[in-house]
Amino acid sequence: MHPGARRRIAISLAILLILAACEGHGGEGADCPAGPKPKTPSGFCIPRYVSLRRSEVNGRKGPGLDYPVVTIYHARGLPVQVIDETLDWRRICDPDGGTAWVSRLMVGSQRTVMAAGSGAAPLRSRPSDAASVVAYIRPRSIATLGRASGDWRQVRVGGVSGWVKSNEVWGLAPQIQCH
C-alpha cells in the first residue's frame, strides 16, 4: 500500500474515533431524538439547546450583519434554544422567550441550564427528594449540565455539584414558547 494512502486511512480512522467518542456526551444536538437527523445546515435537529460562548453576544433581527442588533446578551454560558438556522446563523429562543439571530460562532456545544422560577432550587446530594440539600441554586443562575437519572439532572455551579429536578431548570427539552 502506498504511504500516502496509509496516512489518509489513519487520518480518517482518527476522525471517526473522535466523532464516536463525542457521541452522546452532552454536546450540540445531544437532546435530539434518536435516528436520522433532519436536513439542516448543521445536521442537528431543530429545536436543540446550546449555550452562548461569549460574555457579550449581539442578537440581530435577521441572519446577517446588515440586520440591526435587537438585544445584547451579557451572560457567557447562557442556555438558548436553536429554533431555526442558516449556514452561518442561528435563530435562538432565550430563557425569557425572546428570539434573535446570532452568529453560529457565538454558540457552543457545552450544555448548560438555568435555574427557573422565582425561588431558589435545592441542589441535592443524590437524585432523590429525600437526599440532603448540599446547596441552593439562585434564580437565573447558570449551571453546567451533567448526566441524567430519571427526572433528575446532575449540575455543577459555583464549584458545587449535585442533583436538581429537571422541571426546576431551563435548558432541557421540550421546546418552550417564544415571542
Protein backbone atom coordinates (compact mmCIF):
# COMPACT_ATOMS: atom_id res chain seq x y z
CA MET A 1 0.00 0.00 0.00
CA HIS A 2 1.23 3.49 -0.86
CA PRO A 3 2.40 5.52 2.21
CA GLY A 4 0.06 8.39 1.28
CA ALA A 5 -2.91 6.03 1.24
CA ARG A 6 -1.95 4.66 4.67
CA ARG A 7 -1.79 8.19 6.04
CA ARG A 8 -5.22 9.07 4.62
CA ILE A 9 -6.71 5.90 6.12
CA ALA A 10 -5.10 6.64 9.51
CA ILE A 11 -6.42 10.21 9.50
CA SER A 12 -9.92 9.00 8.51
CA LEU A 13 -9.91 6.42 11.31
CA ALA A 14 -8.77 9.04 13.83
CA ILE A 15 -11.59 11.37 12.81
CA LEU A 16 -14.13 8.54 13.10
CA LEU A 17 -12.84 7.64 16.57
CA ILE A 18 -13.08 11.26 17.73
CA LEU A 19 -16.63 11.55 16.39
CA ALA A 20 -17.63 8.28 18.04
CA ALA A 21 -16.11 9.39 21.36
CA CYS A 22 -18.17 12.60 21.28
CA GLU A 23 -21.48 10.87 20.51
CA GLY A 24 -23.98 11.24 23.34
CA HIS A 25 -21.78 13.27 25.69
CA GLY A 26 -23.97 16.35 26.08
CA GLY A 27 -22.78 18.33 23.06
CA GLU A 28 -24.77 20.18 20.47
CA GLY A 29 -27.65 18.03 19.34
CA ALA A 30 -27.48 15.73 22.38
CA ASP A 31 -31.15 16.40 23.17
CA CYS A 32 -32.24 15.42 19.65
CA PRO A 33 -34.34 12.31 19.19
CA ALA A 34 -32.52 9.18 18.03
CA GLY A 35 -32.50 8.34 14.35
CA PRO A 36 -31.66 10.24 11.20
CA LYS A 37 -31.05 13.96 11.50
CA PRO A 38 -33.17 16.39 9.50
CA LYS A 39 -31.67 18.24 6.58
CA THR A 40 -30.45 21.36 8.35
CA PRO A 41 -27.25 23.25 7.54
CA SER A 42 -25.63 21.95 10.74
CA GLY A 43 -27.02 18.43 10.50
CA PHE A 44 -28.50 18.75 14.00
CA CYS A 45 -32.19 18.73 14.85
CA ILE A 46 -34.31 21.79 15.49
CA PRO A 47 -35.13 22.65 18.21
CA ARG A 48 -32.00 21.90 20.25
CA TYR A 49 -30.17 23.53 23.15
CA VAL A 50 -26.74 25.19 23.03
CA SER A 51 -25.03 27.87 25.13
CA LEU A 52 -23.54 31.28 24.38
CA ARG A 53 -19.74 31.22 24.05
CA ARG A 54 -19.00 34.82 24.97
CA SER A 55 -19.97 37.22 27.72
CA GLU A 56 -21.32 39.66 25.13
CA VAL A 57 -23.30 38.41 22.11
CA ASN A 58 -25.28 40.55 19.70
CA GLY A 59 -28.76 39.27 18.86
CA ARG A 60 -29.94 40.54 15.47
CA LYS A 61 -33.30 40.95 13.77
CA GLY A 62 -32.24 38.71 10.90
CA PRO A 63 -29.47 36.34 9.82
CA GLY A 64 -26.69 38.73 8.83
CA LEU A 65 -24.52 41.64 9.90
CA ASP A 66 -26.68 44.03 7.88
CA TYR A 67 -29.63 43.44 10.24
CA PRO A 68 -29.94 45.68 13.31
CA VAL A 69 -28.99 44.47 16.79
CA VAL A 70 -32.21 43.94 18.79
CA THR A 71 -30.62 42.67 22.01
CA ILE A 72 -27.21 42.16 23.56
CA TYR A 73 -26.79 39.08 25.73
CA HIS A 74 -24.41 39.58 28.68
CA ALA A 75 -24.16 36.04 30.03
CA ARG A 76 -21.46 33.62 28.91
CA GLY A 77 -22.85 30.09 29.07
CA LEU A 78 -26.47 31.23 28.83
CA PRO A 79 -28.57 28.27 27.64
CA VAL A 80 -30.51 29.08 24.49
CA GLN A 81 -32.65 27.02 22.16
CA VAL A 82 -31.93 26.96 18.42
CA ILE A 83 -35.27 27.21 16.61
CA ASP A 84 -34.03 27.94 13.07
CA GLU A 85 -30.72 28.19 11.27
CA THR A 86 -28.82 29.10 8.15
CA LEU A 87 -25.31 28.00 7.33
CA ASP A 88 -23.75 30.85 9.39
CA TRP A 89 -26.56 31.99 11.70
CA ARG A 90 -28.74 30.50 14.44
CA ARG A 91 -32.15 31.84 15.43
CA ILE A 92 -32.34 31.35 19.16
CA CYS A 93 -35.01 31.49 21.82
CA ASP A 94 -33.68 32.79 25.15
CA PRO A 95 -34.94 31.86 28.65
CA ASP A 96 -37.30 34.86 28.63
CA GLY A 97 -38.96 33.68 25.39
CA GLY A 98 -37.32 36.35 23.19
CA THR A 99 -35.86 35.47 19.82
CA ALA A 100 -32.87 36.79 17.90
CA TRP A 101 -30.37 35.68 15.27
CA VAL A 102 -26.77 35.11 16.41
CA SER A 103 -23.67 34.05 14.53
CA ARG A 104 -23.00 30.32 14.71
CA LEU A 105 -19.57 31.24 16.08
CA MET A 106 -21.25 32.70 19.20
CA VAL A 107 -22.92 29.43 20.25
CA GLY A 108 -21.15 26.40 21.64
CA SER A 109 -21.97 22.81 22.33
CA GLN A 110 -21.37 22.97 26.10
CA ARG A 111 -24.71 22.20 27.71
CA THR A 112 -25.85 24.50 30.48
CA VAL A 113 -29.12 25.06 32.28
CA MET A 114 -30.50 27.99 34.20
CA ALA A 115 -32.44 27.84 37.44
CA ALA A 116 -36.08 28.54 36.63
CA GLY A 117 -38.74 30.18 38.75
CA SER A 118 -38.55 32.88 41.37
CA GLY A 119 -37.30 30.82 44.31
CA ALA A 120 -34.03 29.01 44.94
CA ALA A 121 -33.89 25.40 43.71
CA PRO A 122 -32.42 22.80 46.08
CA LEU A 123 -29.30 21.02 44.86
CA ARG A 124 -29.32 17.53 46.38
CA SER A 125 -26.55 15.04 47.12
CA ARG A 126 -28.21 12.34 45.02
CA PRO A 127 -31.25 12.12 42.69
CA SER A 128 -33.95 11.84 45.35
CA ASP A 129 -36.35 14.15 47.19
CA ALA A 130 -35.12 12.51 50.41
CA ALA A 131 -31.45 13.33 49.71
CA SER A 132 -29.74 16.05 51.72
CA VAL A 133 -29.54 19.55 50.27
CA VAL A 134 -25.92 20.50 49.52
CA ALA A 135 -26.68 23.99 48.18
CA TYR A 136 -29.36 26.12 46.59
CA ILE A 137 -29.29 27.43 43.03
CA ARG A 138 -30.42 31.03 42.91
CA PRO A 139 -32.99 32.03 40.28
CA ARG A 140 -31.41 32.61 36.85
CA SER A 141 -28.08 31.10 37.93
CA ILE A 142 -26.33 29.20 35.14
CA ALA A 143 -25.11 25.66 35.82
CA THR A 144 -23.15 23.16 33.74
CA LEU A 145 -25.29 20.20 32.81
CA GLY A 146 -24.22 16.67 33.67
CA ARG A 147 -25.80 13.24 33.43
CA ALA A 148 -29.43 12.28 33.89
CA SER A 149 -31.12 9.87 36.27
CA GLY A 150 -34.84 9.64 35.63
CA ASP A 151 -36.37 13.07 36.15
CA TRP A 152 -33.19 14.40 37.81
CA ARG A 153 -30.16 16.12 36.27
CA GLN A 154 -26.70 16.43 37.74
CA VAL A 155 -25.40 20.01 37.57
CA ARG A 156 -22.33 21.92 38.66
CA VAL A 157 -22.50 25.55 39.75
CA GLY A 158 -20.10 27.68 41.80
CA GLY A 159 -17.80 24.74 42.48
CA VAL A 160 -20.62 22.60 43.87
CA SER A 161 -22.05 19.54 42.16
CA GLY A 162 -25.42 17.99 42.90
CA TRP A 163 -28.79 16.89 41.58
CA VAL A 164 -31.80 19.02 40.65
CA LYS A 165 -35.22 18.08 39.31
CA SER A 166 -35.48 18.61 35.55
CA ASN A 167 -38.52 20.88 35.89
CA GLU A 168 -36.57 23.29 38.13
CA VAL A 169 -34.14 24.31 35.37
CA TRP A 170 -34.48 25.82 31.90
CA GLY A 171 -32.46 24.39 29.04
CA LEU A 172 -33.86 20.90 28.61
CA ALA A 173 -36.37 19.55 26.11
CA PRO A 174 -39.22 20.13 25.32
CA GLN A 175 -39.39 23.34 23.34
CA ILE A 176 -40.70 26.44 25.09
CA GLN A 177 -42.90 29.10 23.57
CA CYS A 178 -41.02 32.02 22.05
CA HIS A 179 -42.28 35.52 21.26
